[in-house]
Amino acid sequence: MPWIRQILPAQASGLLRSELDKAVKRAGRVWGIVQIMSLNARTLKASMELYGSIMHGRSPLSCAQREMLATVVAAELGCVY
C-alpha cells in the first residue's frame, strides 16, 4: 500500500476524472503509476502526453523497438508490472 495520499477513481471529478477515464480506455484499468499522480491532474495529463509522444509519436524507432527499450529499462530497474 503506497503511503502517498491518492484520489480514488470513484472520487475523481473534472480533469482528473477525464484522465482516469482515458487510462481505463487505454489499458482497461488505472495502473499504479497513473493513480499515484492523482493529486495533480495537470501533471498527470502532461505525463501521459509525454508518454504518448515517446511511445507513439514520430521517431526513427519502431513501436516494437520502443516497447523493447521500455521493457529492458523496467527490468533493469527492478520494476514489476
PDB file of N, CA and C in Angstrom:
ATOM      1  N   MET A   1       0.853  -1.175   0.000  1.00  0.00           N
ATOM      2  CA  MET A   1       0.000   0.000   0.000  1.00  0.00           C
ATOM      3  C   MET A   1       0.896   1.234   0.000  1.00  0.00           C
ATOM      4  N   PRO A   2       0.717   2.132  -0.976  1.00  0.00           N
ATOM      5  CA  PRO A   2       1.539   3.334  -1.021  1.00  0.00           C
ATOM      6  C   PRO A   2       1.192   4.282   0.125  1.00  0.00           C
ATOM      7  N   TRP A   3       2.164   5.037   0.586  1.00  0.00           N
ATOM      8  CA  TRP A   3       1.918   5.985   1.659  1.00  0.00           C
ATOM      9  C   TRP A   3       1.583   7.367   1.125  1.00  0.00           C
ATOM     10  N   ILE A   4       1.632   7.538  -0.193  1.00  0.00           N
ATOM     11  CA  ILE A   4       1.268   8.813  -0.802  1.00  0.00           C
ATOM     12  C   ILE A   4      -0.252   8.882  -0.910  1.00  0.00           C
ATOM     13  N   ARG A   5      -0.834   9.944  -0.391  1.00  0.00           N
ATOM     14  CA  ARG A   5      -2.283  10.114  -0.479  1.00  0.00           C
ATOM     15  C   ARG A   5      -2.700  10.153  -1.939  1.00  0.00           C
ATOM     16  N   GLN A   6      -3.837   9.549  -2.248  1.00  0.00           N
ATOM     17  CA  GLN A   6      -4.337   9.480  -3.616  1.00  0.00           C
ATOM     18  C   GLN A   6      -5.829   9.781  -3.639  1.00  0.00           C
ATOM     19  N   ILE A   7      -6.296  10.176  -4.814  1.00  0.00           N
ATOM     20  CA  ILE A   7      -7.723  10.331  -5.037  1.00  0.00           C
ATOM     21  C   ILE A   7      -8.163   9.111  -5.829  1.00  0.00           C
ATOM     22  N   LEU A   8      -9.066   8.346  -5.274  1.00  0.00           N
ATOM     23  CA  LEU A   8      -9.527   7.132  -5.942  1.00  0.00           C
ATOM     24  C   LEU A   8     -10.401   7.484  -7.135  1.00  0.00           C
ATOM     25  N   PRO A   9     -10.414   6.635  -8.163  1.00  0.00           N
ATOM     26  CA  PRO A   9     -11.219   6.924  -9.351  1.00  0.00           C
ATOM     27  C   PRO A   9     -12.678   7.239  -9.034  1.00  0.00           C
ATOM     28  N   ALA A  10     -13.271   6.561  -8.085  1.00  0.00           N
ATOM     29  CA  ALA A  10     -14.679   6.804  -7.735  1.00  0.00           C
ATOM     30  C   ALA A  10     -14.890   8.198  -7.143  1.00  0.00           C
ATOM     31  N   GLN A  11     -13.830   8.808  -6.617  1.00  0.00           N
ATOM     32  CA  GLN A  11     -13.919  10.136  -6.008  1.00  0.00           C
ATOM     33  C   GLN A  11     -13.471  11.251  -6.949  1.00  0.00           C
ATOM     34  N   ALA A  12     -12.966  10.902  -8.112  1.00  0.00           N
ATOM     35  CA  ALA A  12     -12.391  11.878  -9.037  1.00  0.00           C
ATOM     36  C   ALA A  12     -13.473  12.679  -9.748  1.00  0.00           C
ATOM     37  N   SER A  13     -13.110  13.923 -10.090  1.00  0.00           N
ATOM     38  CA  SER A  13     -14.013  14.762 -10.874  1.00  0.00           C
ATOM     39  C   SER A  13     -13.166  15.639 -11.795  1.00  0.00           C
ATOM     40  N   GLY A  14     -13.812  16.316 -12.709  1.00  0.00           N
ATOM     41  CA  GLY A  14     -13.136  17.270 -13.588  1.00  0.00           C
ATOM     42  C   GLY A  14     -12.036  16.642 -14.426  1.00  0.00           C
ATOM     43  N   LEU A  15     -10.916  17.363 -14.508  1.00  0.00           N
ATOM     44  CA  LEU A  15      -9.782  16.921 -15.319  1.00  0.00           C
ATOM     45  C   LEU A  15      -9.265  15.563 -14.860  1.00  0.00           C
ATOM     46  N   LEU A  16      -9.190  15.352 -13.548  1.00  0.00           N
ATOM     47  CA  LEU A  16      -8.709  14.063 -13.046  1.00  0.00           C
ATOM     48  C   LEU A  16      -9.615  12.932 -13.518  1.00  0.00           C
ATOM     49  N   ARG A  17     -10.915  13.106 -13.420  1.00  0.00           N
ATOM     50  CA  ARG A  17     -11.860  12.082 -13.876  1.00  0.00           C
ATOM     51  C   ARG A  17     -11.636  11.780 -15.358  1.00  0.00           C
ATOM     52  N   SER A  18     -11.462  12.834 -16.148  1.00  0.00           N
ATOM     53  CA  SER A  18     -11.225  12.668 -17.583  1.00  0.00           C
ATOM     54  C   SER A  18      -9.949  11.860 -17.850  1.00  0.00           C
ATOM     55  N   GLU A  19      -8.874  12.187 -17.132  1.00  0.00           N
ATOM     56  CA  GLU A  19      -7.603  11.485 -17.331  1.00  0.00           C
ATOM     57  C   GLU A  19      -7.687  10.029 -16.872  1.00  0.00           C
ATOM     58  N   LEU A  20      -8.363   9.777 -15.763  1.00  0.00           N
ATOM     59  CA  LEU A  20      -8.509   8.396 -15.294  1.00  0.00           C
ATOM     60  C   LEU A  20      -9.403   7.595 -16.234  1.00  0.00           C
ATOM     61  N   ASP A  21     -10.431   8.227 -16.787  1.00  0.00           N
ATOM     62  CA  ASP A  21     -11.273   7.547 -17.777  1.00  0.00           C
ATOM     63  C   ASP A  21     -10.460   7.174 -19.012  1.00  0.00           C
ATOM     64  N   LYS A  22      -9.578   8.084 -19.448  1.00  0.00           N
ATOM     65  CA  LYS A  22      -8.706   7.788 -20.594  1.00  0.00           C
ATOM     66  C   LYS A  22      -7.777   6.611 -20.267  1.00  0.00           C
ATOM     67  N   ALA A  23      -7.277   6.573 -19.035  1.00  0.00           N
ATOM     68  CA  ALA A  23      -6.396   5.478 -18.620  1.00  0.00           C
ATOM     69  C   ALA A  23      -7.118   4.139 -18.717  1.00  0.00           C
ATOM     70  N   VAL A  24      -8.357   4.099 -18.262  1.00  0.00           N
ATOM     71  CA  VAL A  24      -9.142   2.858 -18.324  1.00  0.00           C
ATOM     72  C   VAL A  24      -9.397   2.470 -19.777  1.00  0.00           C
ATOM     73  N   LYS A  25      -9.715   3.459 -20.603  1.00  0.00           N
ATOM     74  CA  LYS A  25      -9.952   3.173 -22.018  1.00  0.00           C
ATOM     75  C   LYS A  25      -8.685   2.625 -22.681  1.00  0.00           C
ATOM     76  N   ARG A  26      -7.525   3.171 -22.312  1.00  0.00           N
ATOM     77  CA  ARG A  26      -6.239   2.767 -22.883  1.00  0.00           C
ATOM     78  C   ARG A  26      -5.810   1.388 -22.421  1.00  0.00           C
ATOM     79  N   ALA A  27      -5.953   1.122 -21.126  1.00  0.00           N
ATOM     80  CA  ALA A  27      -5.341  -0.074 -20.544  1.00  0.00           C
ATOM     81  C   ALA A  27      -6.316  -1.006 -19.840  1.00  0.00           C
ATOM     82  N   GLY A  28      -7.583  -0.619 -19.784  1.00  0.00           N
ATOM     83  CA  GLY A  28      -8.552  -1.473 -19.106  1.00  0.00           C
ATOM     84  C   GLY A  28      -8.575  -1.303 -17.599  1.00  0.00           C
ATOM     85  N   ARG A  29      -7.710  -0.448 -17.091  1.00  0.00           N
ATOM     86  CA  ARG A  29      -7.636  -0.180 -15.658  1.00  0.00           C
ATOM     87  C   ARG A  29      -6.774   1.050 -15.418  1.00  0.00           C
ATOM     88  N   VAL A  30      -6.727   1.511 -14.182  1.00  0.00           N
ATOM     89  CA  VAL A  30      -5.836   2.606 -13.805  1.00  0.00           C
ATOM     90  C   VAL A  30      -4.622   1.977 -13.130  1.00  0.00           C
ATOM     91  N   TRP A  31      -3.489   2.025 -13.811  1.00  0.00           N
ATOM     92  CA  TRP A  31      -2.258   1.463 -13.252  1.00  0.00           C
ATOM     93  C   TRP A  31      -1.749   2.344 -12.114  1.00  0.00           C
ATOM     94  N   GLY A  32      -0.972   1.758 -11.222  1.00  0.00           N
ATOM     95  CA  GLY A  32      -0.444   2.466 -10.059  1.00  0.00           C
ATOM     96  C   GLY A  32       0.330   3.714 -10.410  1.00  0.00           C
ATOM     97  N   ILE A  33       1.126   3.678 -11.479  1.00  0.00           N
ATOM     98  CA  ILE A  33       1.932   4.839 -11.870  1.00  0.00           C
ATOM     99  C   ILE A  33       1.045   6.022 -12.248  1.00  0.00           C
ATOM    100  N   VAL A  34      -0.144   5.728 -12.760  1.00  0.00           N
ATOM    101  CA  VAL A  34      -1.111   6.779 -13.095  1.00  0.00           C
ATOM    102  C   VAL A  34      -1.837   7.226 -11.819  1.00  0.00           C
ATOM    103  N   GLN A  35      -2.276   6.283 -11.029  1.00  0.00           N
ATOM    104  CA  GLN A  35      -3.027   6.577  -9.802  1.00  0.00           C
ATOM    105  C   GLN A  35      -2.218   7.433  -8.826  1.00  0.00           C
ATOM    106  N   ILE A  36      -0.922   7.187  -8.748  1.00  0.00           N
ATOM    107  CA  ILE A  36      -0.098   7.883  -7.768  1.00  0.00           C
ATOM    108  C   ILE A  36       0.017   9.382  -8.083  1.00  0.00           C
ATOM    109  N   MET A  37      -0.295   9.767  -9.332  1.00  0.00           N
ATOM    110  CA  MET A  37      -0.265  11.185  -9.713  1.00  0.00           C
ATOM    111  C   MET A  37      -1.622  11.864  -9.537  1.00  0.00           C
ATOM    112  N   SER A  38      -2.562  11.205  -8.902  1.00  0.00           N
ATOM    113  CA  SER A  38      -3.940  11.697  -8.834  1.00  0.00           C
ATOM    114  C   SER A  38      -4.108  13.027  -8.101  1.00  0.00           C
ATOM    115  N   LEU A  39      -3.181  13.410  -7.259  1.00  0.00           N
ATOM    116  CA  LEU A  39      -3.313  14.686  -6.548  1.00  0.00           C
ATOM    117  C   LEU A  39      -3.049  15.892  -7.440  1.00  0.00           C
ATOM    118  N   ASN A  40      -2.445  15.656  -8.605  1.00  0.00           N
ATOM    119  CA  ASN A  40      -2.152  16.761  -9.510  1.00  0.00           C
ATOM    120  C   ASN A  40      -2.552  16.357 -10.924  1.00  0.00           C
ATOM    121  N   ALA A  41      -3.804  16.616 -11.263  1.00  0.00           N
ATOM    122  CA  ALA A  41      -4.353  16.188 -12.557  1.00  0.00           C
ATOM    123  C   ALA A  41      -3.602  16.799 -13.737  1.00  0.00           C
ATOM    124  N   ARG A  42      -3.142  18.035 -13.606  1.00  0.00           N
ATOM    125  CA  ARG A  42      -2.400  18.676 -14.706  1.00  0.00           C
ATOM    126  C   ARG A  42      -1.079  17.967 -14.954  1.00  0.00           C
ATOM    127  N   THR A  43      -0.402  17.571 -13.891  1.00  0.00           N
ATOM    128  CA  THR A  43       0.843  16.826 -14.039  1.00  0.00           C
ATOM    129  C   THR A  43       0.574  15.447 -14.630  1.00  0.00           C
ATOM    130  N   LEU A  44      -0.483  14.796 -14.184  1.00  0.00           N
ATOM    131  CA  LEU A  44      -0.870  13.504 -14.735  1.00  0.00           C
ATOM    132  C   LEU A  44      -1.118  13.621 -16.234  1.00  0.00           C
ATOM    133  N   LYS A  45      -1.864  14.633 -16.645  1.00  0.00           N
ATOM    134  CA  LYS A  45      -2.165  14.838 -18.063  1.00  0.00           C
ATOM    135  C   LYS A  45      -0.879  15.058 -18.860  1.00  0.00           C
ATOM    136  N   ALA A  46       0.003  15.930 -18.366  1.00  0.00           N
ATOM    137  CA  ALA A  46       1.263  16.207 -19.054  1.00  0.00           C
ATOM    138  C   ALA A  46       2.136  14.960 -19.138  1.00  0.00           C
ATOM    139  N   SER A  47       2.168  14.185 -18.080  1.00  0.00           N
ATOM    140  CA  SER A  47       2.955  12.950 -18.057  1.00  0.00           C
ATOM    141  C   SER A  47       2.453  11.954 -19.097  1.00  0.00           C
ATOM    142  N   MET A  48       1.131  11.817 -19.194  1.00  0.00           N
ATOM    143  CA  MET A  48       0.560  10.880 -20.165  1.00  0.00           C
ATOM    144  C   MET A  48       0.774  11.367 -21.600  1.00  0.00           C
ATOM    145  N   GLU A  49       0.743  12.692 -21.795  1.00  0.00           N
ATOM    146  CA  GLU A  49       1.032  13.241 -23.122  1.00  0.00           C
ATOM    147  C   GLU A  49       2.485  12.985 -23.507  1.00  0.00           C
ATOM    148  N   LEU A  50       3.410  13.152 -22.556  1.00  0.00           N
ATOM    149  CA  LEU A  50       4.817  12.861 -22.817  1.00  0.00           C
ATOM    150  C   LEU A  50       5.004  11.389 -23.154  1.00  0.00           C
ATOM    151  N   TYR A  51       4.391  10.507 -22.354  1.00  0.00           N
ATOM    152  CA  TYR A  51       4.477   9.074 -22.616  1.00  0.00           C
ATOM    153  C   TYR A  51       3.942   8.754 -24.018  1.00  0.00           C
ATOM    154  N   GLY A  52       2.797   9.327 -24.376  1.00  0.00           N
ATOM    155  CA  GLY A  52       2.217   9.083 -25.693  1.00  0.00           C
ATOM    156  C   GLY A  52       3.135   9.536 -26.808  1.00  0.00           C
ATOM    157  N   SER A  53       3.760  10.674 -26.623  1.00  0.00           N
ATOM    158  CA  SER A  53       4.690  11.189 -27.627  1.00  0.00           C
ATOM    159  C   SER A  53       5.915  10.284 -27.762  1.00  0.00           C
ATOM    160  N   ILE A  54       6.459   9.860 -26.634  1.00  0.00           N
ATOM    161  CA  ILE A  54       7.642   8.991 -26.663  1.00  0.00           C
ATOM    162  C   ILE A  54       7.324   7.645 -27.300  1.00  0.00           C
ATOM    163  N   MET A  55       6.202   7.064 -26.927  1.00  0.00           N
ATOM    164  CA  MET A  55       5.891   5.707 -27.376  1.00  0.00           C
ATOM    165  C   MET A  55       5.189   5.643 -28.728  1.00  0.00           C
ATOM    166  N   HIS A  56       4.459   6.701 -29.102  1.00  0.00           N
ATOM    167  CA  HIS A  56       3.648   6.626 -30.320  1.00  0.00           C
ATOM    168  C   HIS A  56       3.880   7.776 -31.295  1.00  0.00           C
ATOM    169  N   GLY A  57       4.701   8.752 -30.926  1.00  0.00           N
ATOM    170  CA  GLY A  57       4.965   9.882 -31.813  1.00  0.00           C
ATOM    171  C   GLY A  57       5.977   9.524 -32.892  1.00  0.00           C
ATOM    172  N   ARG A  58       6.264  10.490 -33.748  1.00  0.00           N
ATOM    173  CA  ARG A  58       7.252  10.267 -34.810  1.00  0.00           C
ATOM    174  C   ARG A  58       8.598   9.952 -34.191  1.00  0.00           C
ATOM    175  N   SER A  59       9.262   8.944 -34.762  1.00  0.00           N
ATOM    176  CA  SER A  59      10.545   8.509 -34.218  1.00  0.00           C
ATOM    177  C   SER A  59      11.248   7.612 -35.234  1.00  0.00           C
ATOM    178  N   PRO A  60      12.573   7.615 -35.219  1.00  0.00           N
ATOM    179  CA  PRO A  60      13.286   6.652 -36.074  1.00  0.00           C
ATOM    180  C   PRO A  60      13.162   5.216 -35.533  1.00  0.00           C
ATOM    181  N   LEU A  61      12.683   5.072 -34.300  1.00  0.00           N
ATOM    182  CA  LEU A  61      12.494   3.745 -33.712  1.00  0.00           C
ATOM    183  C   LEU A  61      11.080   3.250 -33.984  1.00  0.00           C
ATOM    184  N   SER A  62      10.966   1.957 -34.236  1.00  0.00           N
ATOM    185  CA  SER A  62       9.635   1.372 -34.420  1.00  0.00           C
ATOM    186  C   SER A  62       8.943   1.261 -33.063  1.00  0.00           C
ATOM    187  N   CYS A  63       7.631   1.037 -33.097  1.00  0.00           N
ATOM    188  CA  CYS A  63       6.891   0.839 -31.841  1.00  0.00           C
ATOM    189  C   CYS A  63       7.458  -0.360 -31.084  1.00  0.00           C
ATOM    190  N   ALA A  64       7.782  -1.421 -31.805  1.00  0.00           N
ATOM    191  CA  ALA A  64       8.339  -2.617 -31.163  1.00  0.00           C
ATOM    192  C   ALA A  64       9.671  -2.304 -30.479  1.00  0.00           C
ATOM    193  N   GLN A  65      10.526  -1.515 -31.129  1.00  0.00           N
ATOM    194  CA  GLN A  65      11.811  -1.149 -30.522  1.00  0.00           C
ATOM    195  C   GLN A  65      11.600  -0.308 -29.263  1.00  0.00           C
ATOM    196  N   ARG A  66      10.650   0.599 -29.309  1.00  0.00           N
ATOM    197  CA  ARG A  66      10.374   1.431 -28.131  1.00  0.00           C
ATOM    198  C   ARG A  66       9.847   0.585 -26.975  1.00  0.00           C
ATOM    199  N   GLU A  67       8.951  -0.336 -27.274  1.00  0.00           N
ATOM    200  CA  GLU A  67       8.435  -1.239 -26.235  1.00  0.00           C
ATOM    201  C   GLU A  67       9.559  -2.094 -25.658  1.00  0.00           C
ATOM    202  N   MET A  68      10.451  -2.571 -26.528  1.00  0.00           N
ATOM    203  CA  MET A  68      11.573  -3.384 -26.061  1.00  0.00           C
ATOM    204  C   MET A  68      12.477  -2.569 -25.142  1.00  0.00           C
ATOM    205  N   LEU A  69      12.775  -1.330 -25.519  1.00  0.00           N
ATOM    206  CA  LEU A  69      13.592  -0.471 -24.657  1.00  0.00           C
ATOM    207  C   LEU A  69      12.917  -0.227 -23.311  1.00  0.00           C
ATOM    208  N   ALA A  70      11.626   0.031 -23.330  1.00  0.00           N
ATOM    209  CA  ALA A  70      10.898   0.255 -22.081  1.00  0.00           C
ATOM    210  C   ALA A  70      10.937  -0.990 -21.197  1.00  0.00           C
ATOM    211  N   THR A  71      10.814  -2.162 -21.806  1.00  0.00           N
ATOM    212  CA  THR A  71      10.851  -3.419 -21.055  1.00  0.00           C
ATOM    213  C   THR A  71      12.216  -3.653 -20.439  1.00  0.00           C
ATOM    214  N   VAL A  72      13.265  -3.418 -21.211  1.00  0.00           N
ATOM    215  CA  VAL A  72      14.631  -3.616 -20.699  1.00  0.00           C
ATOM    216  C   VAL A  72      14.924  -2.655 -19.553  1.00  0.00           C
ATOM    217  N   VAL A  73      14.541  -1.392 -19.704  1.00  0.00           N
ATOM    218  CA  VAL A  73      14.778  -0.412 -18.638  1.00  0.00           C
ATOM    219  C   VAL A  73      13.999  -0.791 -17.391  1.00  0.00           C
ATOM    220  N   ALA A  74      12.746  -1.184 -17.542  1.00  0.00           N
ATOM    221  CA  ALA A  74      11.937  -1.595 -16.389  1.00  0.00           C
ATOM    222  C   ALA A  74      12.562  -2.790 -15.688  1.00  0.00           C
ATOM    223  N   ALA A  75      13.019  -3.766 -16.465  1.00  0.00           N
ATOM    224  CA  ALA A  75      13.649  -4.953 -15.873  1.00  0.00           C
ATOM    225  C   ALA A  75      14.932  -4.580 -15.134  1.00  0.00           C
ATOM    226  N   GLU A  76      15.726  -3.710 -15.737  1.00  0.00           N
ATOM    227  CA  GLU A  76      16.980  -3.282 -15.122  1.00  0.00           C
ATOM    228  C   GLU A  76      16.734  -2.535 -13.813  1.00  0.00           C
ATOM    229  N   LEU A  77      15.640  -1.778 -13.759  1.00  0.00           N
ATOM    230  CA  LEU A  77      15.301  -1.020 -12.554  1.00  0.00           C
ATOM    231  C   LEU A  77      14.532  -1.843 -11.527  1.00  0.00           C
ATOM    232  N   GLY A  78      14.216  -3.091 -11.894  1.00  0.00           N
ATOM    233  CA  GLY A  78      13.501  -3.960 -10.963  1.00  0.00           C
ATOM    234  C   GLY A  78      12.021  -3.683 -10.866  1.00  0.00           C
ATOM    235  N   CYS A  79      11.445  -3.026 -11.884  1.00  0.00           N
ATOM    236  CA  CYS A  79      10.003  -2.754 -11.885  1.00  0.00           C
ATOM    237  C   CYS A  79       9.238  -4.043 -12.173  1.00  0.00           C
ATOM    238  N   VAL A  80       8.162  -4.252 -11.465  1.00  0.00           N
ATOM    239  CA  VAL A  80       7.313  -5.411 -11.726  1.00  0.00           C
ATOM    240  C   VAL A  80       5.964  -4.910 -12.230  1.00  0.00           C
ATOM    241  N   TYR A  81       5.563  -5.397 -13.370  1.00  0.00           N
ATOM    242  CA  TYR A  81       4.285  -4.989 -13.971  1.00  0.00           C
ATOM    243  C   TYR A  81       3.430  -6.207 -14.154  1.00  0.00           C
TER     244      TYR A  81
END
